[in-house]
Amino acid sequence: MLNEQRIYQMTKLAIFEKEHKAQLDGVRRLFRSDYIGRHMIKNGFFITVAFLFVLMGWGLYHSETLIVDIARIDVEVLAARILFAYAVVLSVFLVLTYAIYRVRYERARMDLYQYQEMLKELERIYDREELELRNRRG
């Protein structure tokens, strides 16, 4: 016999799992620090690559000035400014990454709690069905 309540609950679980699969997997497998750290490392790499492209574009744009004034340019000061700019950009983006992924982790953890509650409800439905079957049989 089909139990509409059980089918409804299973459908609800399947839809929830499909919509939140990536978040649920991340929260199930990783601690918060690992989850956030993984994304910070990934974004740090992308920020570094983007900064290098911007630096290369700046260098190409100002190449004539750099070539003409090569003897007068203090390379150490220029390198220090570039490193300082990189440190500032990297720091800002990593702080943003940390804040964003901490919020995402907490939301995913709440979703996981909600998913576990739906699973418990499905288990209660199965238990009720089993109890009803036992009572019918005698």
N, C-alpha and C. Protein backbone atom coordinates (compact mmCIF):
# COMPACT_ATOMS: atom_id res chain seq x y z
N MET A 1 0.84 -1.17 0.00
CA MET A 1 0.00 0.00 0.00
C MET A 1 0.90 1.25 0.00
N LEU A 2 0.55 2.21 -0.82
CA LEU A 2 1.32 3.44 -0.92
C LEU A 2 0.90 4.41 0.18
N ASN A 3 1.88 4.96 0.81
CA ASN A 3 1.62 5.94 1.85
C ASN A 3 1.95 7.31 1.27
N GLU A 4 0.93 8.15 1.10
CA GLU A 4 1.13 9.45 0.47
C GLU A 4 2.05 10.34 1.28
N GLN A 5 1.96 10.25 2.59
CA GLN A 5 2.81 11.08 3.45
C GLN A 5 4.29 10.71 3.27
N ARG A 6 4.56 9.42 3.18
CA ARG A 6 5.93 8.95 2.98
C ARG A 6 6.46 9.38 1.61
N ILE A 7 5.63 9.24 0.59
CA ILE A 7 6.03 9.64 -0.77
C ILE A 7 6.29 11.14 -0.82
N TYR A 8 5.42 11.92 -0.18
CA TYR A 8 5.61 13.36 -0.13
C TYR A 8 6.93 13.71 0.56
N GLN A 9 7.20 13.06 1.68
CA GLN A 9 8.43 13.34 2.43
C GLN A 9 9.67 12.94 1.62
N MET A 10 9.61 11.82 0.95
CA MET A 10 10.75 11.37 0.14
C MET A 10 10.99 12.32 -1.03
N THR A 11 9.91 12.81 -1.64
CA THR A 11 10.04 13.76 -2.75
C THR A 11 10.65 15.06 -2.25
N LYS A 12 10.17 15.51 -1.11
CA LYS A 12 10.69 16.73 -0.51
C LYS A 12 12.19 16.59 -0.21
N LEU A 13 12.59 15.43 0.31
CA LEU A 13 14.00 15.16 0.58
C LEU A 13 14.83 15.16 -0.69
N ALA A 14 14.31 14.52 -1.73
CA ALA A 14 15.05 14.44 -3.00
C ALA A 14 15.25 15.83 -3.60
N ILE A 15 14.22 16.65 -3.57
CA ILE A 15 14.32 18.01 -4.11
C ILE A 15 15.32 18.83 -3.29
N PHE A 16 15.22 18.72 -1.98
CA PHE A 16 16.12 19.45 -1.10
C PHE A 16 17.57 19.04 -1.34
N GLU A 17 17.79 17.74 -1.45
CA GLU A 17 19.15 17.25 -1.67
C GLU A 17 19.68 17.68 -3.03
N LYS A 18 18.84 17.69 -4.04
CA LYS A 18 19.28 18.11 -5.37
C LYS A 18 19.67 19.59 -5.37
N GLU A 19 18.88 20.42 -4.70
CA GLU A 19 19.14 21.86 -4.68
C GLU A 19 20.34 22.23 -3.82
N HIS A 20 20.63 21.46 -2.78
CA HIS A 20 21.66 21.83 -1.81
C HIS A 20 22.81 20.82 -1.75
N LYS A 21 22.98 20.02 -2.80
CA LYS A 21 23.96 18.94 -2.76
C LYS A 21 25.38 19.43 -2.48
N ALA A 22 25.83 20.45 -3.19
CA ALA A 22 27.20 20.93 -3.03
C ALA A 22 27.44 21.45 -1.61
N GLN A 23 26.50 22.22 -1.09
CA GLN A 23 26.66 22.76 0.26
C GLN A 23 26.64 21.64 1.29
N LEU A 24 25.73 20.70 1.15
CA LEU A 24 25.63 19.61 2.12
C LEU A 24 26.90 18.75 2.12
N ASP A 25 27.44 18.49 0.93
CA ASP A 25 28.67 17.69 0.85
C ASP A 25 29.84 18.41 1.51
N GLY A 26 29.94 19.73 1.27
CA GLY A 26 31.02 20.50 1.87
C GLY A 26 30.96 20.50 3.39
N VAL A 27 29.76 20.64 3.92
CA VAL A 27 29.60 20.69 5.38
C VAL A 27 29.77 19.30 6.00
N ARG A 28 29.32 18.28 5.31
CA ARG A 28 29.45 16.91 5.83
C ARG A 28 30.92 16.48 5.92
N ARG A 29 31.70 16.83 4.89
CA ARG A 29 33.06 16.31 4.79
C ARG A 29 34.11 17.16 5.49
N LEU A 30 33.85 18.45 5.67
CA LEU A 30 34.92 19.35 6.12
C LEU A 30 34.54 20.09 7.40
N PHE A 31 35.55 20.36 8.20
CA PHE A 31 35.37 21.27 9.32
C PHE A 31 35.29 22.68 8.76
N ARG A 32 34.78 23.60 9.58
CA ARG A 32 34.62 24.97 9.12
C ARG A 32 35.95 25.57 8.66
N SER A 33 37.00 25.37 9.43
CA SER A 33 38.29 25.96 9.07
C SER A 33 38.82 25.37 7.76
N ASP A 34 38.60 24.09 7.54
CA ASP A 34 39.04 23.47 6.29
C ASP A 34 38.22 23.97 5.10
N TYR A 35 36.92 24.11 5.30
CA TYR A 35 36.02 24.60 4.25
C TYR A 35 36.41 26.01 3.85
N ILE A 36 36.59 26.88 4.83
CA ILE A 36 36.94 28.27 4.55
C ILE A 36 38.37 28.35 4.00
N GLY A 37 39.30 27.61 4.58
CA GLY A 37 40.68 27.62 4.14
C GLY A 37 40.86 27.19 2.70
N ARG A 38 40.11 26.17 2.32
CA ARG A 38 40.19 25.68 0.94
C ARG A 38 39.80 26.77 -0.05
N HIS A 39 38.74 27.49 0.28
CA HIS A 39 38.29 28.57 -0.61
C HIS A 39 39.23 29.77 -0.57
N MET A 40 39.84 30.01 0.58
CA MET A 40 40.79 31.13 0.67
C MET A 40 42.03 30.84 -0.16
N ILE A 41 42.51 29.61 -0.13
CA ILE A 41 43.68 29.24 -0.93
C ILE A 41 43.36 29.37 -2.42
N LYS A 42 42.21 28.85 -2.81
CA LYS A 42 41.79 28.92 -4.22
C LYS A 42 41.67 30.37 -4.67
N ASN A 43 40.99 31.20 -3.87
CA ASN A 43 40.82 32.59 -4.24
C ASN A 43 42.14 33.36 -4.18
N GLY A 44 43.02 33.01 -3.24
CA GLY A 44 44.33 33.63 -3.18
C GLY A 44 45.12 33.38 -4.45
N PHE A 45 45.02 32.17 -4.97
CA PHE A 45 45.69 31.84 -6.23
C PHE A 45 45.12 32.67 -7.38
N PHE A 46 43.79 32.75 -7.46
CA PHE A 46 43.17 33.52 -8.54
C PHE A 46 43.46 35.02 -8.42
N ILE A 47 43.51 35.52 -7.21
CA ILE A 47 43.83 36.93 -6.99
C ILE A 47 45.27 37.21 -7.44
N THR A 48 46.18 36.29 -7.13
CA THR A 48 47.57 36.45 -7.54
C THR A 48 47.70 36.48 -9.06
N VAL A 49 47.01 35.57 -9.72
CA VAL A 49 47.04 35.53 -11.19
C VAL A 49 46.45 36.82 -11.76
N ALA A 50 45.33 37.26 -11.22
CA ALA A 50 44.70 38.49 -11.70
C ALA A 50 45.62 39.69 -11.46
N PHE A 51 46.27 39.74 -10.30
CA PHE A 51 47.18 40.84 -10.02
C PHE A 51 48.35 40.85 -11.01
N LEU A 52 48.87 39.68 -11.32
CA LEU A 52 49.97 39.60 -12.30
C LEU A 52 49.53 40.09 -13.68
N PHE A 53 48.30 39.74 -14.08
CA PHE A 53 47.78 40.22 -15.36
C PHE A 53 47.62 41.75 -15.36
N VAL A 54 47.10 42.29 -14.26
CA VAL A 54 46.95 43.74 -14.15
C VAL A 54 48.33 44.40 -14.17
N LEU A 55 49.27 43.83 -13.45
CA LEU A 55 50.64 44.38 -13.43
C LEU A 55 51.26 44.33 -14.82
N MET A 56 51.04 43.24 -15.53
CA MET A 56 51.56 43.11 -16.88
C MET A 56 50.91 44.16 -17.79
N GLY A 57 49.62 44.34 -17.66
CA GLY A 57 48.93 45.37 -18.46
C GLY A 57 49.44 46.76 -18.15
N TRP A 58 49.66 47.03 -16.86
CA TRP A 58 50.21 48.33 -16.46
C TRP A 58 51.60 48.52 -17.07
N GLY A 59 52.40 47.47 -17.00
CA GLY A 59 53.75 47.54 -17.56
C GLY A 59 53.74 47.78 -19.06
N LEU A 60 52.83 47.12 -19.77
CA LEU A 60 52.72 47.33 -21.22
C LEU A 60 52.22 48.74 -21.54
N TYR A 61 51.29 49.22 -20.76
CA TYR A 61 50.74 50.55 -20.99
C TYR A 61 51.81 51.63 -20.78
N HIS A 62 52.62 51.44 -19.77
CA HIS A 62 53.66 52.41 -19.43
C HIS A 62 55.05 51.98 -19.93
N SER A 63 55.10 51.10 -20.89
CA SER A 63 56.39 50.57 -21.34
C SER A 63 57.30 51.66 -21.92
N GLU A 64 56.73 52.60 -22.64
CA GLU A 64 57.56 53.66 -23.22
C GLU A 64 58.23 54.49 -22.11
N THR A 65 57.47 54.84 -21.11
CA THR A 65 58.03 55.60 -19.99
C THR A 65 59.07 54.78 -19.26
N LEU A 66 58.79 53.50 -19.07
CA LEU A 66 59.74 52.63 -18.37
C LEU A 66 61.05 52.49 -19.13
N ILE A 67 60.96 52.38 -20.44
CA ILE A 67 62.17 52.21 -21.26
C ILE A 67 62.99 53.50 -21.30
N VAL A 68 62.31 54.65 -21.45
CA VAL A 68 63.02 55.93 -21.54
C VAL A 68 63.67 56.26 -20.20
N ASP A 69 62.98 56.01 -19.10
CA ASP A 69 63.47 56.40 -17.77
C ASP A 69 64.10 55.24 -17.00
N ILE A 70 64.55 54.21 -17.68
CA ILE A 70 65.07 53.02 -17.00
C ILE A 70 66.26 53.35 -16.09
N ALA A 71 67.06 54.29 -16.49
CA ALA A 71 68.25 54.63 -15.69
C ALA A 71 67.86 55.40 -14.43
N ARG A 72 66.76 56.15 -14.48
CA ARG A 72 66.37 56.98 -13.35
C ARG A 72 65.41 56.26 -12.40
N ILE A 73 64.87 55.14 -12.81
CA ILE A 73 63.89 54.43 -11.97
C ILE A 73 64.62 53.71 -10.85
N ASP A 74 64.12 53.90 -9.64
CA ASP A 74 64.65 53.17 -8.49
C ASP A 74 63.88 51.85 -8.41
N VAL A 75 64.53 50.79 -8.85
CA VAL A 75 63.89 49.49 -8.96
C VAL A 75 63.43 48.97 -7.60
N GLU A 76 64.21 49.22 -6.58
CA GLU A 76 63.84 48.74 -5.23
C GLU A 76 62.56 49.41 -4.74
N VAL A 77 62.44 50.71 -4.97
CA VAL A 77 61.23 51.43 -4.56
C VAL A 77 60.04 50.95 -5.37
N LEU A 78 60.22 50.77 -6.67
CA LEU A 78 59.14 50.29 -7.52
C LEU A 78 58.70 48.89 -7.09
N ALA A 79 59.65 48.03 -6.81
CA ALA A 79 59.32 46.67 -6.35
C ALA A 79 58.61 46.70 -5.01
N ALA A 80 59.05 47.57 -4.11
CA ALA A 80 58.40 47.69 -2.80
C ALA A 80 56.96 48.17 -2.95
N ARG A 81 56.73 49.14 -3.84
CA ARG A 81 55.36 49.63 -4.08
C ARG A 81 54.47 48.54 -4.67
N ILE A 82 55.03 47.79 -5.60
CA ILE A 82 54.25 46.71 -6.21
C ILE A 82 53.91 45.64 -5.17
N LEU A 83 54.89 45.26 -4.35
CA LEU A 83 54.63 44.27 -3.30
C LEU A 83 53.63 44.78 -2.28
N PHE A 84 53.73 46.06 -1.93
CA PHE A 84 52.77 46.64 -1.00
C PHE A 84 51.36 46.62 -1.58
N ALA A 85 51.24 47.00 -2.85
CA ALA A 85 49.93 46.98 -3.51
C ALA A 85 49.38 45.56 -3.56
N TYR A 86 50.24 44.60 -3.87
CA TYR A 86 49.81 43.19 -3.91
C TYR A 86 49.34 42.73 -2.54
N ALA A 87 50.08 43.09 -1.50
CA ALA A 87 49.70 42.69 -0.14
C ALA A 87 48.36 43.29 0.26
N VAL A 88 48.14 44.53 -0.10
CA VAL A 88 46.86 45.18 0.23
C VAL A 88 45.71 44.51 -0.52
N VAL A 89 45.88 44.32 -1.81
CA VAL A 89 44.83 43.69 -2.63
C VAL A 89 44.55 42.29 -2.12
N LEU A 90 45.58 41.51 -1.90
CA LEU A 90 45.41 40.15 -1.42
C LEU A 90 44.72 40.13 -0.06
N SER A 91 45.12 41.00 0.84
CA SER A 91 44.52 41.04 2.18
C SER A 91 43.04 41.38 2.11
N VAL A 92 42.70 42.38 1.33
CA VAL A 92 41.29 42.79 1.21
C VAL A 92 40.45 41.65 0.67
N PHE A 93 40.90 41.04 -0.40
CA PHE A 93 40.12 39.97 -1.00
C PHE A 93 40.06 38.72 -0.11
N LEU A 94 41.11 38.42 0.61
CA LEU A 94 41.07 37.26 1.50
C LEU A 94 40.15 37.50 2.69
N VAL A 95 40.11 38.72 3.19
CA VAL A 95 39.16 39.04 4.27
C VAL A 95 37.72 38.90 3.75
N LEU A 96 37.47 39.39 2.55
CA LEU A 96 36.14 39.24 1.96
C LEU A 96 35.80 37.76 1.74
N THR A 97 36.77 37.02 1.25
CA THR A 97 36.56 35.58 1.03
C THR A 97 36.23 34.88 2.35
N TYR A 98 36.97 35.21 3.39
CA TYR A 98 36.72 34.60 4.70
C TYR A 98 35.30 34.91 5.17
N ALA A 99 34.90 36.17 5.07
CA ALA A 99 33.57 36.57 5.54
C ALA A 99 32.48 35.87 4.73
N ILE A 100 32.63 35.84 3.43
CA ILE A 100 31.60 35.24 2.57
C ILE A 100 31.47 33.74 2.84
N TYR A 101 32.60 33.04 2.89
CA TYR A 101 32.52 31.59 3.05
C TYR A 101 32.19 31.17 4.48
N ARG A 102 32.42 32.02 5.44
CA ARG A 102 31.97 31.71 6.80
C ARG A 102 30.45 31.75 6.85
N VAL A 103 29.86 32.77 6.22
CA VAL A 103 28.40 32.87 6.17
C VAL A 103 27.83 31.69 5.38
N ARG A 104 28.45 31.36 4.26
CA ARG A 104 27.97 30.23 3.45
C ARG A 104 28.05 28.91 4.23
N TYR A 105 29.11 28.74 4.99
CA TYR A 105 29.25 27.51 5.77
C TYR A 105 28.14 27.43 6.83
N GLU A 106 27.87 28.53 7.50
CA GLU A 106 26.82 28.52 8.53
C GLU A 106 25.46 28.25 7.91
N ARG A 107 25.20 28.84 6.76
CA ARG A 107 23.93 28.56 6.07
C ARG A 107 23.83 27.10 5.65
N ALA A 108 24.93 26.57 5.15
CA ALA A 108 24.94 25.16 4.74
C ALA A 108 24.76 24.25 5.95
N ARG A 109 25.33 24.64 7.08
CA ARG A 109 25.16 23.85 8.30
C ARG A 109 23.70 23.84 8.75
N MET A 110 23.04 24.99 8.61
CA MET A 110 21.61 25.03 8.94
C MET A 110 20.81 24.18 7.96
N ASP A 111 21.20 24.21 6.67
CA ASP A 111 20.54 23.36 5.69
C ASP A 111 20.74 21.88 6.02
N LEU A 112 21.94 21.53 6.46
CA LEU A 112 22.21 20.15 6.84
C LEU A 112 21.34 19.74 8.03
N TYR A 113 21.19 20.63 8.99
CA TYR A 113 20.33 20.35 10.14
C TYR A 113 18.89 20.14 9.68
N GLN A 114 18.42 20.99 8.77
CA GLN A 114 17.07 20.86 8.24
C GLN A 114 16.92 19.53 7.49
N TYR A 115 17.92 19.15 6.73
CA TYR A 115 17.90 17.89 5.98
C TYR A 115 17.84 16.70 6.95
N GLN A 116 18.61 16.77 8.03
CA GLN A 116 18.59 15.69 9.02
C GLN A 116 17.23 15.59 9.70
N GLU A 117 16.60 16.73 9.95
CA GLU A 117 15.26 16.72 10.55
C GLU A 117 14.25 16.09 9.59
N MET A 118 14.37 16.36 8.31
CA MET A 118 13.47 15.74 7.33
C MET A 118 13.71 14.24 7.27
N LEU A 119 14.96 13.81 7.38
CA LEU A 119 15.25 12.38 7.41
C LEU A 119 14.66 11.72 8.65
N LYS A 120 14.74 12.39 9.79
CA LYS A 120 14.14 11.85 11.01
C LYS A 120 12.63 11.72 10.86
N GLU A 121 12.02 12.70 10.21
CA GLU A 121 10.57 12.63 9.98
C GLU A 121 10.24 11.44 9.08
N LEU A 122 11.04 11.22 8.06
CA LEU A 122 10.82 10.06 7.18
C LEU A 122 10.98 8.77 7.97
N GLU A 123 11.95 8.71 8.85
CA GLU A 123 12.15 7.53 9.69
C GLU A 123 10.95 7.30 10.60
N ARG A 124 10.38 8.37 11.16
CA ARG A 124 9.18 8.24 12.00
C ARG A 124 8.00 7.71 11.20
N ILE A 125 7.89 8.15 9.94
CA ILE A 125 6.81 7.66 9.08
C ILE A 125 6.97 6.16 8.85
N TYR A 126 8.21 5.74 8.55
CA TYR A 126 8.46 4.30 8.37
C TYR A 126 8.16 3.52 9.65
N ASP A 127 8.55 4.06 10.78
CA ASP A 127 8.27 3.38 12.06
C ASP A 127 6.77 3.25 12.30
N ARG A 128 6.01 4.30 12.00
CA ARG A 128 4.55 4.24 12.16
C ARG A 128 3.94 3.19 11.23
N GLU A 129 4.43 3.16 9.99
CA GLU A 129 3.92 2.17 9.04
C GLU A 129 4.22 0.75 9.52
N GLU A 130 5.42 0.55 10.02
CA GLU A 130 5.81 -0.77 10.52
C GLU A 130 4.95 -1.17 11.71
N LEU A 131 4.70 -0.22 12.59
CA LEU A 131 3.85 -0.49 13.76
C LEU A 131 2.42 -0.81 13.32
N GLU A 132 1.90 -0.09 12.34
CA GLU A 132 0.56 -0.37 11.83
C GLU A 132 0.49 -1.77 11.22
N LEU A 133 1.53 -2.17 10.49
CA LEU A 133 1.56 -3.49 9.87
C LEU A 133 1.58 -4.59 10.95
N ARG A 134 2.34 -4.38 11.99
CA ARG A 134 2.39 -5.34 13.09
C ARG A 134 1.04 -5.46 13.78
N ASN A 135 0.38 -4.32 13.98
CA ASN A 135 -0.92 -4.33 14.64
C ASN A 135 -1.97 -5.02 13.79
N ARG A 136 -1.89 -4.88 12.49
CA ARG A 136 -2.85 -5.53 11.58
C ARG A 136 -2.66 -7.05 11.56
N ARG A 137 -1.40 -7.46 11.62
CA ARG A 137 -1.11 -8.89 11.54
C ARG A 137 -1.47 -9.62 12.83
N GLY A 138 -1.52 -8.90 13.87
CA GLY A 138 -1.98 -9.59 15.08
C GLY A 138 -1.16 -9.37 16.21
